[in-house]
């Protein structure tokens, strides 16, 4: 569903209650919890378009990954038709760049 996310205030408070992933905890002003962090897993629209253009220009060696460039829709801002190994290549090799 477009625009939906599982990153909610309750989820952030649960992380804090469990004492894990300190970097994702809520910032507190007085008694109110606020969510004003720039999250490392979010991209602004311009960054996303630039990343998709970059991915569409990459060539991989035979047998490493399929032609990921054909799965990129730069105008729509989406990947379509990726196999599971291709998703791992994107997440482990391309996103860290």
Protein backbone atom coordinates (compact mmCIF):
# COMPACT_ATOMS: atom_id res chain seq x y z
CA UNK A 1 0.00 0.00 0.00
CA UNK A 2 1.49 3.28 -1.12
CA UNK A 3 2.60 5.55 1.73
CA UNK A 4 2.17 2.94 4.48
CA UNK A 5 5.02 2.07 6.79
CA UNK A 6 5.57 -0.09 9.85
CA UNK A 7 7.74 2.62 11.39
CA UNK A 8 5.33 3.93 14.01
CA UNK A 9 5.67 5.66 17.33
CA UNK A 10 4.60 2.50 19.16
CA UNK A 11 7.26 0.46 17.33
CA UNK A 12 9.94 2.99 18.35
CA UNK A 13 8.80 2.91 21.96
CA UNK A 14 8.89 -0.90 21.90
CA UNK A 15 12.53 -0.79 20.76
CA UNK A 16 13.34 1.50 23.65
CA UNK A 17 11.43 -0.68 26.14
CA UNK A 18 13.36 -3.76 24.95
CA UNK A 19 16.65 -1.85 25.11
CA UNK A 20 17.74 -2.64 21.53
CA UNK A 21 18.79 -0.55 18.51
CA UNK A 22 19.45 2.65 20.43
CA UNK A 23 19.85 4.66 17.22
CA UNK A 24 16.17 4.13 16.39
CA UNK A 25 14.74 5.22 19.75
CA UNK A 26 12.45 8.24 20.01
CA UNK A 27 13.78 11.64 20.98
CA UNK A 28 11.96 13.00 23.99
CA UNK A 29 11.01 16.62 24.66
CA UNK A 30 9.53 16.94 28.13
CA UNK A 31 6.96 14.14 28.37
CA UNK A 32 6.11 13.92 24.67
CA UNK A 33 7.83 11.50 22.34
CA UNK A 34 8.81 12.86 18.94
CA UNK A 35 9.96 11.21 15.80
CA UNK A 36 12.27 13.62 14.02
CA UNK A 37 15.17 11.42 12.99
CA UNK A 38 16.41 11.30 9.42
CA UNK A 39 16.26 7.55 8.95
CA UNK A 40 19.12 5.79 7.22
CA UNK A 41 16.77 3.53 5.29
CA UNK A 42 14.71 6.31 3.67
CA UNK A 43 15.59 8.07 0.43
CA UNK A 44 14.36 11.43 -0.76
CA UNK A 45 12.70 11.34 -4.21
CA UNK A 46 15.71 12.94 -5.93
CA UNK A 47 18.11 10.48 -4.29
CA UNK A 48 15.87 7.57 -5.24
CA UNK A 49 15.75 8.66 -8.89
CA UNK A 50 19.53 9.10 -8.94
CA UNK A 51 20.01 5.63 -7.39
CA UNK A 52 17.67 4.04 -9.96
CA UNK A 53 19.56 5.72 -12.81
CA UNK A 54 22.80 4.38 -11.35
CA UNK A 55 21.39 0.84 -11.08
CA UNK A 56 20.06 0.98 -14.64
CA UNK A 57 23.57 1.73 -15.92
CA UNK A 58 25.37 -1.14 -14.12
CA UNK A 59 26.64 -4.23 -15.94
CA UNK A 60 27.41 -7.41 -13.99
CA UNK A 61 29.63 -10.35 -14.98
CA UNK A 62 27.90 -13.42 -16.41
CA UNK A 63 26.49 -15.65 -13.71
CA UNK A 64 26.69 -13.06 -10.91
CA UNK A 65 23.31 -11.39 -11.32
CA UNK A 66 20.72 -11.13 -14.02
CA UNK A 67 20.32 -7.98 -16.05
CA UNK A 68 19.06 -5.83 -13.19
CA UNK A 69 18.93 -2.78 -15.46
CA UNK A 70 15.89 -4.18 -17.27
CA UNK A 71 14.04 -4.48 -13.94
CA UNK A 72 14.38 -0.77 -13.12
CA UNK A 73 11.63 1.73 -13.89
CA UNK A 74 13.25 5.12 -13.31
CA UNK A 75 10.13 7.17 -14.08
CA UNK A 76 7.90 5.00 -11.89
CA UNK A 77 10.55 4.78 -9.17
CA UNK A 78 10.28 1.00 -8.82
CA UNK A 79 12.04 -2.31 -9.30
CA UNK A 80 9.92 -4.97 -10.98
CA UNK A 81 10.62 -8.62 -11.69
CA UNK A 82 13.67 -9.07 -9.47
CA UNK A 83 14.57 -12.60 -8.42
CA UNK A 84 15.58 -13.23 -4.79
CA UNK A 85 19.30 -13.33 -5.61
CA UNK A 86 19.00 -10.02 -7.48
CA UNK A 87 17.37 -8.48 -4.39
CA UNK A 88 20.32 -9.65 -2.29
CA UNK A 89 22.74 -8.11 -4.81
CA UNK A 90 20.87 -4.80 -4.62
CA UNK A 91 20.70 -4.77 -0.81
CA UNK A 92 24.19 -6.07 -0.06
CA UNK A 93 26.27 -4.65 -2.90
CA UNK A 94 24.52 -1.61 -4.37
CA UNK A 95 22.74 0.11 -1.47
CA UNK A 96 25.87 0.38 0.70
CA UNK A 97 27.52 2.41 -2.08
